Amino acid sequence: MKLLNFISSKIALVAFTFLGITLVSFVLIRLLPGDPILVMSGEKGISEERYEQLRAEHGLDEPIISQYFIYLGNVLQGNLGKSIVTQVDVLDEFMQLFPATVELALFAILIAIFIGIPVGILAAIKKGSIFDHGVMAISLTGYSMPIFWWALLMIILFSNTLDLLPVSGRISLIYYFEPITGFMLIDSWLSGQEGAWQSALSHLILPSFVLSTIPTSIISRQTRSAMIEVMQEDFIKTAKAKGLRPSRLIIVHALRNAMLTIITVIGLSVSLLLTGAILTETIFSWPGIGKWMVEGIFRRDYPIVQGGLILISLTVMLVNLTVDLSYGIIDPRVMLGKKT
């Protein structure tokens, strides 16, 4: 019963948050200056009769409250509308571009995990050492550095100066194949074209490394703090007194008990990756959701911006829900409502 109550409470929270996101996205896009119908008409302008006709076709002639409830009803039915500019279903466009963003974010979070956790553990073990202070200084710098400035520095160094990595796109233009999964690393490998996979990987390295900077900094700092806290617990001191091997003490006992904090940070980093992807994709011309939404904002394409925000928010909420439910696997006391 407690397990069902735990799961149902988390799902209810996601549902209420989702409704709040629909309202916020609906209101914010309409606060932006500019008229989407006039933007769609271009420089040639449009007659007043045609203008009113287009407003009626897109439901913009209705009162704001009515527009919201109509939009909410459509969203709950899985209808996010069509792009005002391209007349393509928002959900279809999202699903075509989402794999590119997922590939970039997944590669970035893997970089953050494989660098941040080991570095944080070593910093905790060597607390107060030069290494520890150096890690903290570098992580603070990485967290504080504007991502667009860091991206430009990496482009100048690795693309312009050293000519090691490409600066834009997902793969070289000399390769072409029909997408199967939408993930360029997988599709390029399945294509069997010589050099295609290497080209896709080289295009992925720079933007994913830039995108991983802030999550790496956060994960390393939080891993260090969690490990230091756990290492001061009585059961760790008892294990040391019994002569337990340092590697087993750190990995099996200390790290396992610190994982709740680390997993929470990793889950929260997903939102950072998806929001950071907007700038990263724009700078590196990465054809994903971030770049798509920026273009939608400039074109005052209400359905794209609203639908993109809702779908990204839903993705983040589902990831956080998965993280919350995983707590019970790591520590069953969380589901039973007991203090950890």
Protein backbone atom coordinates (compact mmCIF):
# COMPACT_ATOMS: atom_id res chain seq x y z
CA MET A 1 0.00 0.00 0.00
CA LYS A 2 2.81 2.39 0.87
CA LEU A 3 4.46 1.55 -2.44
CA LEU A 4 1.28 2.41 -4.38
CA ASN A 5 0.83 5.63 -2.39
CA PHE A 6 4.43 6.62 -3.15
CA ILE A 7 4.01 6.01 -6.89
CA SER A 8 0.58 7.65 -7.11
CA SER A 9 1.76 10.76 -5.26
CA LYS A 10 4.66 11.17 -7.70
CA ILE A 11 2.38 10.70 -10.73
CA ALA A 12 -0.14 13.20 -9.33
CA LEU A 13 2.66 15.73 -8.87
CA VAL A 14 3.71 15.23 -12.50
CA ALA A 15 0.10 15.75 -13.66
CA PHE A 16 -0.33 19.03 -11.77
CA THR A 17 3.07 20.24 -12.92
CA PHE A 18 2.14 19.40 -16.51
CA LEU A 19 -1.02 21.52 -16.27
CA GLY A 20 1.03 24.39 -14.89
CA ILE A 21 3.50 24.08 -17.76
CA THR A 22 0.70 24.30 -20.34
CA LEU A 23 -0.58 27.51 -18.74
CA VAL A 24 2.88 29.09 -18.45
CA SER A 25 3.83 28.21 -22.02
CA PHE A 26 0.51 29.54 -23.34
CA VAL A 27 0.84 32.87 -21.51
CA LEU A 28 4.55 33.51 -22.06
CA ILE A 29 4.49 33.07 -25.84
CA ARG A 30 1.69 35.63 -26.06
CA LEU A 31 3.68 38.17 -24.09
CA LEU A 32 6.29 38.26 -26.85
CA PRO A 33 5.99 41.30 -29.14
CA GLY A 34 4.89 40.71 -32.71
CA ASP A 35 1.95 39.16 -34.53
CA PRO A 36 2.41 35.61 -35.87
CA ILE A 37 0.01 36.25 -38.75
CA LEU A 38 1.98 39.30 -39.89
CA VAL A 39 5.24 37.37 -39.54
CA MET A 40 3.78 34.57 -41.64
CA SER A 41 2.63 36.98 -44.34
CA GLY A 42 6.20 38.22 -44.94
CA GLU A 43 7.31 41.56 -46.32
CA LYS A 44 4.54 41.80 -48.96
CA GLY A 45 1.91 42.35 -46.32
CA ILE A 46 -1.63 41.03 -46.25
CA SER A 47 -5.13 42.38 -46.76
CA GLU A 48 -7.35 42.99 -43.77
CA GLU A 49 -9.87 40.38 -44.94
CA ARG A 50 -7.16 37.73 -45.33
CA TYR A 51 -5.67 38.74 -41.98
CA GLU A 52 -8.97 38.16 -40.19
CA GLN A 53 -9.46 34.89 -42.05
CA LEU A 54 -6.07 33.57 -40.93
CA ARG A 55 -6.71 34.66 -37.34
CA ALA A 56 -9.95 32.69 -37.40
CA GLU A 57 -8.27 29.64 -38.94
CA HIS A 58 -5.66 29.56 -36.16
CA GLY A 59 -8.16 30.35 -33.40
CA LEU A 60 -6.55 33.68 -32.57
CA ASP A 61 -9.84 35.57 -32.79
CA GLU A 62 -11.18 33.81 -29.70
CA PRO A 63 -10.86 35.29 -26.16
CA ILE A 64 -7.59 34.34 -24.45
CA ILE A 65 -9.33 32.14 -21.88
CA SER A 66 -11.18 30.25 -24.58
CA GLN A 67 -7.97 29.85 -26.56
CA TYR A 68 -6.27 28.29 -23.55
CA PHE A 69 -8.98 25.74 -22.80
CA ILE A 70 -9.25 24.82 -26.47
CA TYR A 71 -5.49 24.39 -26.56
CA LEU A 72 -5.47 22.36 -23.32
CA GLY A 73 -8.17 20.06 -24.65
CA ASN A 74 -6.18 19.48 -27.84
CA VAL A 75 -2.97 18.84 -25.88
CA LEU A 76 -4.66 16.25 -23.66
CA GLN A 77 -5.75 14.48 -26.86
CA GLY A 78 -2.18 14.51 -28.17
CA ASN A 79 -2.84 17.30 -30.67
CA LEU A 80 -0.22 20.03 -30.35
CA GLY A 81 -1.36 21.82 -33.48
CA LYS A 82 0.42 22.67 -36.70
CA SER A 83 3.24 25.09 -37.31
CA ILE A 84 1.86 28.44 -38.47
CA VAL A 85 4.75 28.77 -40.93
CA THR A 86 5.31 25.23 -42.30
CA GLN A 87 1.82 23.78 -41.64
CA VAL A 88 3.46 20.57 -40.38
CA ASP A 89 2.22 18.88 -37.19
CA VAL A 90 4.28 20.05 -34.21
CA LEU A 91 4.50 16.52 -32.80
CA ASP A 92 5.79 15.16 -36.12
CA GLU A 93 8.49 17.86 -36.34
CA PHE A 94 9.43 17.26 -32.71
CA MET A 95 9.81 13.52 -33.20
CA GLN A 96 12.00 14.06 -36.26
CA LEU A 97 14.36 16.43 -34.42
CA PHE A 98 14.23 14.99 -30.89
CA PRO A 99 16.70 12.12 -31.55
CA ALA A 100 19.40 14.69 -32.44
CA THR A 101 18.89 16.47 -29.10
CA VAL A 102 18.74 13.17 -27.18
CA GLU A 103 21.98 12.00 -28.81
CA LEU A 104 23.71 15.24 -27.89
CA ALA A 105 22.34 15.29 -24.33
CA LEU A 106 23.06 11.58 -23.76
CA PHE A 107 26.65 11.93 -24.91
CA ALA A 108 27.03 15.03 -22.71
CA ILE A 109 25.64 13.35 -19.59
CA LEU A 110 27.89 10.32 -20.13
CA ILE A 111 30.90 12.65 -20.28
CA ALA A 112 29.69 14.37 -17.11
CA ILE A 113 29.19 11.07 -15.26
CA PHE A 114 32.46 9.43 -16.29
CA ILE A 115 34.44 12.54 -15.39
CA GLY A 116 32.43 14.04 -12.53
CA ILE A 117 31.90 10.99 -10.30
CA PRO A 118 35.52 9.67 -10.27
CA VAL A 119 36.91 13.19 -9.84
CA GLY A 120 34.46 13.89 -7.00
CA ILE A 121 35.40 10.62 -5.26
CA LEU A 122 39.12 11.36 -5.52
CA ALA A 123 38.57 14.91 -4.25
CA ALA A 124 36.68 13.53 -1.24
CA ILE A 125 39.41 10.98 -0.50
CA LYS A 126 42.10 13.64 -0.80
CA LYS A 127 40.11 16.29 1.08
CA GLY A 128 42.16 19.42 1.73
CA SER A 129 44.89 18.47 -0.77
CA ILE A 130 46.06 20.46 -3.78
CA PHE A 131 44.06 18.09 -5.98
CA ASP A 132 40.90 18.75 -3.97
CA HIS A 133 41.31 22.53 -4.15
CA GLY A 134 42.12 22.31 -7.85
CA VAL A 135 38.98 20.27 -8.58
CA MET A 136 36.83 22.73 -6.66
CA ALA A 137 38.36 25.71 -8.48
CA ILE A 138 37.95 24.12 -11.91
CA SER A 139 34.37 23.01 -11.20
CA LEU A 140 33.44 26.49 -9.98
CA THR A 141 34.93 27.97 -13.14
CA GLY A 142 33.07 25.51 -15.32
CA TYR A 143 29.79 26.20 -13.54
CA SER A 144 30.21 29.98 -13.75
CA MET A 145 31.35 30.16 -17.37
CA PRO A 146 28.66 31.24 -19.89
CA ILE A 147 28.10 28.32 -22.22
CA PHE A 148 28.05 30.44 -25.38
CA TRP A 149 31.43 31.98 -24.52
CA TRP A 150 32.90 28.56 -23.72
CA ALA A 151 31.52 27.22 -27.01
CA LEU A 152 33.13 30.03 -28.99
CA LEU A 153 36.48 29.41 -27.28
CA MET A 154 36.32 25.71 -28.14
CA ILE A 155 35.45 26.51 -31.75
CA ILE A 156 38.37 28.90 -32.05
CA LEU A 157 40.80 26.41 -30.48
CA PHE A 158 39.77 23.03 -31.89
CA SER A 159 38.20 24.05 -35.19
CA ASN A 160 39.96 27.20 -36.36
CA THR A 161 43.41 26.96 -34.76
CA LEU A 162 44.06 23.21 -34.50
CA ASP A 163 41.64 22.14 -37.25
CA LEU A 164 40.83 18.94 -35.35
CA LEU A 165 37.05 18.97 -35.08
CA PRO A 166 34.20 20.22 -37.31
CA VAL A 167 32.21 23.20 -36.13
CA SER A 168 28.65 22.53 -37.33
CA GLY A 169 26.16 19.87 -38.33
CA ARG A 170 25.91 16.19 -37.40
CA ILE A 171 27.94 14.62 -40.23
CA SER A 172 29.98 15.64 -43.25
CA LEU A 173 27.98 16.56 -46.35
CA ILE A 174 29.77 13.90 -48.41
CA TYR A 175 27.72 11.20 -46.65
CA TYR A 176 24.04 10.57 -47.23
CA PHE A 177 21.76 7.77 -46.07
CA GLU A 178 18.15 7.45 -45.02
CA PRO A 179 17.71 7.80 -41.24
CA ILE A 180 16.57 4.65 -39.48
CA THR A 181 16.71 5.49 -35.77
CA GLY A 182 17.37 9.23 -35.96
CA PHE A 183 20.57 8.77 -33.95
CA MET A 184 23.42 9.69 -36.26
CA LEU A 185 26.01 7.46 -34.58
CA ILE A 186 23.77 4.42 -35.03
CA ASP A 187 22.52 5.30 -38.50
CA SER A 188 26.01 6.08 -39.81
CA TRP A 189 27.24 2.72 -38.50
CA LEU A 190 24.29 0.89 -40.04
CA SER A 191 24.85 2.61 -43.38
CA GLY A 192 28.14 0.76 -43.83
CA GLN A 193 29.73 3.77 -45.55
CA GLU A 194 33.44 4.01 -44.87
CA GLY A 195 34.28 6.93 -42.62
CA ALA A 196 30.63 7.86 -41.89
CA TRP A 197 30.68 6.76 -38.24
CA GLN A 198 33.97 8.57 -37.59
CA SER A 199 32.55 11.71 -39.17
CA ALA A 200 29.41 11.54 -37.01
CA LEU A 201 31.51 11.04 -33.88
CA SER A 202 33.82 13.96 -34.69
CA HIS A 203 30.81 16.25 -35.18
CA LEU A 204 29.38 15.14 -31.81
CA ILE A 205 32.48 15.60 -29.64
CA LEU A 206 32.74 19.38 -29.50
CA PRO A 207 29.09 20.33 -28.82
CA SER A 208 28.61 17.50 -26.32
CA PHE A 209 31.79 18.45 -24.46
CA VAL A 210 30.66 22.07 -24.26
CA LEU A 211 27.18 21.02 -23.14
CA SER A 212 28.60 18.71 -20.45
CA THR A 213 30.63 21.46 -18.74
CA ILE A 214 28.03 22.59 -16.20
CA PRO A 215 26.69 19.09 -15.37
CA THR A 216 30.25 17.82 -14.90
CA SER A 217 30.98 20.65 -12.48
CA ILE A 218 27.80 20.02 -10.49
CA ILE A 219 28.20 16.24 -10.37
CA SER A 220 31.82 16.44 -9.24
CA ARG A 221 31.05 18.92 -6.46
CA GLN A 222 27.99 17.04 -5.21
CA THR A 223 29.77 13.68 -5.38
CA ARG A 224 32.60 15.13 -3.29
CA SER A 225 30.17 16.56 -0.70
CA ALA A 226 28.12 13.36 -0.49
CA MET A 227 31.21 11.17 -0.16
CA ILE A 228 32.73 13.36 2.56
CA GLU A 229 29.47 13.22 4.51
CA VAL A 230 29.19 9.44 4.18
CA MET A 231 32.86 8.89 5.06
CA GLN A 232 32.19 10.49 8.44
CA GLU A 233 29.41 8.04 9.33
CA ASP A 234 29.96 5.52 12.13
CA PHE A 235 29.56 2.45 9.91
CA ILE A 236 32.43 3.66 7.71
CA LYS A 237 34.64 4.15 10.77
CA THR A 238 33.70 0.66 11.96
CA ALA A 239 34.54 -0.82 8.57
CA LYS A 240 37.92 0.93 8.65
CA ALA A 241 38.61 -0.44 12.11
CA LYS A 242 37.85 -3.96 10.87
CA GLY A 243 40.55 -3.56 8.22
CA LEU A 244 38.27 -3.52 5.18
CA ARG A 245 40.12 -2.87 1.93
CA PRO A 246 40.03 0.83 0.91
CA SER A 247 38.65 0.05 -2.55
CA ARG A 248 35.78 -2.02 -1.13
CA LEU A 249 35.15 0.56 1.58
CA ILE A 250 34.86 3.40 -0.93
CA ILE A 251 33.01 1.69 -3.79
CA VAL A 252 30.72 -0.77 -1.99
CA HIS A 253 29.93 1.09 1.22
CA ALA A 254 30.57 4.81 0.84
CA LEU A 255 29.63 5.30 -2.82
CA ARG A 256 26.50 3.17 -2.52
CA ASN A 257 25.20 5.32 0.32
CA ALA A 258 26.11 8.51 -1.52
CA MET A 259 24.29 7.42 -4.69
CA LEU A 260 20.94 8.94 -3.67
CA THR A 261 22.46 12.40 -3.82
CA ILE A 262 24.42 11.66 -6.99
CA ILE A 263 21.41 10.22 -8.84
CA THR A 264 19.34 13.26 -7.82
CA VAL A 265 21.96 15.56 -9.29
CA ILE A 266 22.16 13.51 -12.49
CA GLY A 267 18.38 13.65 -12.85
CA LEU A 268 18.31 17.42 -12.33
CA SER A 269 21.13 17.76 -14.86
CA VAL A 270 18.76 16.57 -17.59
CA SER A 271 16.91 19.90 -17.43
CA LEU A 272 20.24 21.73 -17.63
CA LEU A 273 21.20 19.69 -20.68
CA LEU A 274 17.93 20.34 -22.50
CA THR A 275 17.95 24.07 -21.74
CA GLY A 276 21.66 24.34 -22.47
CA ALA A 277 21.06 22.53 -25.75
CA ILE A 278 19.14 25.56 -27.01
CA LEU A 279 22.30 27.68 -27.03
CA THR A 280 24.62 24.82 -27.94
CA GLU A 281 22.53 23.69 -30.90
CA THR A 282 22.22 27.25 -32.17
CA ILE A 283 25.96 27.91 -31.98
CA PHE A 284 26.96 24.58 -33.54
CA SER A 285 24.06 24.50 -36.06
CA TRP A 286 22.96 21.21 -34.53
CA PRO A 287 19.56 20.31 -36.06
CA GLY A 288 17.75 19.51 -32.83
CA ILE A 289 14.90 20.75 -30.68
CA GLY A 290 16.79 23.74 -29.27
CA LYS A 291 17.58 25.24 -32.66
CA TRP A 292 14.04 24.46 -33.84
CA MET A 293 12.49 26.33 -30.90
CA VAL A 294 14.76 29.36 -31.33
CA GLU A 295 13.65 29.60 -34.95
CA GLY A 296 10.04 29.26 -33.79
CA ILE A 297 10.46 32.16 -31.35
CA PHE A 298 11.85 34.43 -34.08
CA ARG A 299 8.96 33.51 -36.38
CA ARG A 300 6.36 33.92 -33.58
CA ASP A 301 5.26 30.38 -34.35
CA TYR A 302 3.04 29.81 -31.30
CA PRO A 303 2.36 26.07 -31.79
CA ILE A 304 6.07 25.23 -32.15
CA VAL A 305 7.18 27.17 -29.08
CA GLN A 306 4.27 25.97 -26.95
CA GLY A 307 4.49 22.38 -28.12
CA GLY A 308 8.28 22.27 -27.83
CA LEU A 309 8.20 23.66 -24.30
CA ILE A 310 5.50 21.22 -23.23
CA LEU A 311 7.26 18.19 -24.72
CA ILE A 312 10.65 19.14 -23.28
CA SER A 313 9.07 19.77 -19.87
CA LEU A 314 7.28 16.43 -20.06
CA THR A 315 10.58 14.71 -20.87
CA VAL A 316 12.26 16.34 -17.87
CA MET A 317 9.36 15.41 -15.59
CA LEU A 318 9.43 11.78 -16.73
CA VAL A 319 13.17 11.60 -16.14
CA ASN A 320 12.76 13.07 -12.65
CA LEU A 321 9.88 10.65 -11.97
CA THR A 322 12.16 7.77 -12.97
CA VAL A 323 14.84 9.12 -10.64
CA ASP A 324 12.35 9.37 -7.76
CA LEU A 325 11.16 5.82 -8.31
CA SER A 326 14.73 4.57 -8.52
CA TYR A 327 15.29 5.78 -4.94
CA GLY A 328 13.22 2.85 -3.72
CA ILE A 329 15.51 0.41 -5.51
CA ILE A 330 18.64 1.96 -4.01
CA ASP A 331 17.15 2.55 -0.56
CA PRO A 332 13.73 0.94 0.17
CA ARG A 333 13.37 3.16 3.25
CA VAL A 334 12.51 6.06 0.92
CA MET A 335 9.34 4.33 -0.35
CA LEU A 336 8.39 3.20 3.14
CA GLY A 337 8.52 6.81 4.32
CA LYS A 338 11.34 6.23 6.77
CA LYS A 339 14.20 8.60 7.36
CA THR A 340 17.41 7.74 5.63
